[in-house]
Amino acid sequence: MVSDFHGADGYTLQYLVTEDSIKMFSDCDFEGCKDSVIYRQGLSSDIVSGFSKMVYDIRLDTLKTRYVESGFDGLRRTISYQRNSDRSKFILLERYNHPTVDSLVSGIRELIRDRKYREMR
């Protein structure tokens, strides 16, 4: 699961990629706003296999668990990742852009067929 929190804008986008689908969730800081699935799509085994290879190639397992730049607001990303029966890994990035995580987010967005949701930021 990848969470993309846009603090100044008050919303979070979450992406969940499984062995057969991708789901996109949205949540916000505003009153009455609830976490909800805003997009879902099935994925073929070939697509999932290609995505898994990309995730393996970018070596998420080599990243530290926390990257933080000083400040009060800004982009906050969390990544929870587990491949097959491997132990899960959690990575937190606060006001920090990491090229490996940027590649992961780009790879996830490429899975989304609907342009409206693929380009949602």
Foldseek 3Di string as FASTA:
>chain_A
DKWKDFFVVFKIWDWDDDQWKIWIWMFGPDPPTDIDTPDMDTDDNVLSVVLVVLLVVLPPVPDDQEAEDDDDGGIKMWDWDDDDPDDIGIHIYYPDDDPSVVSNLLSRLVVDPDPVVSPDD
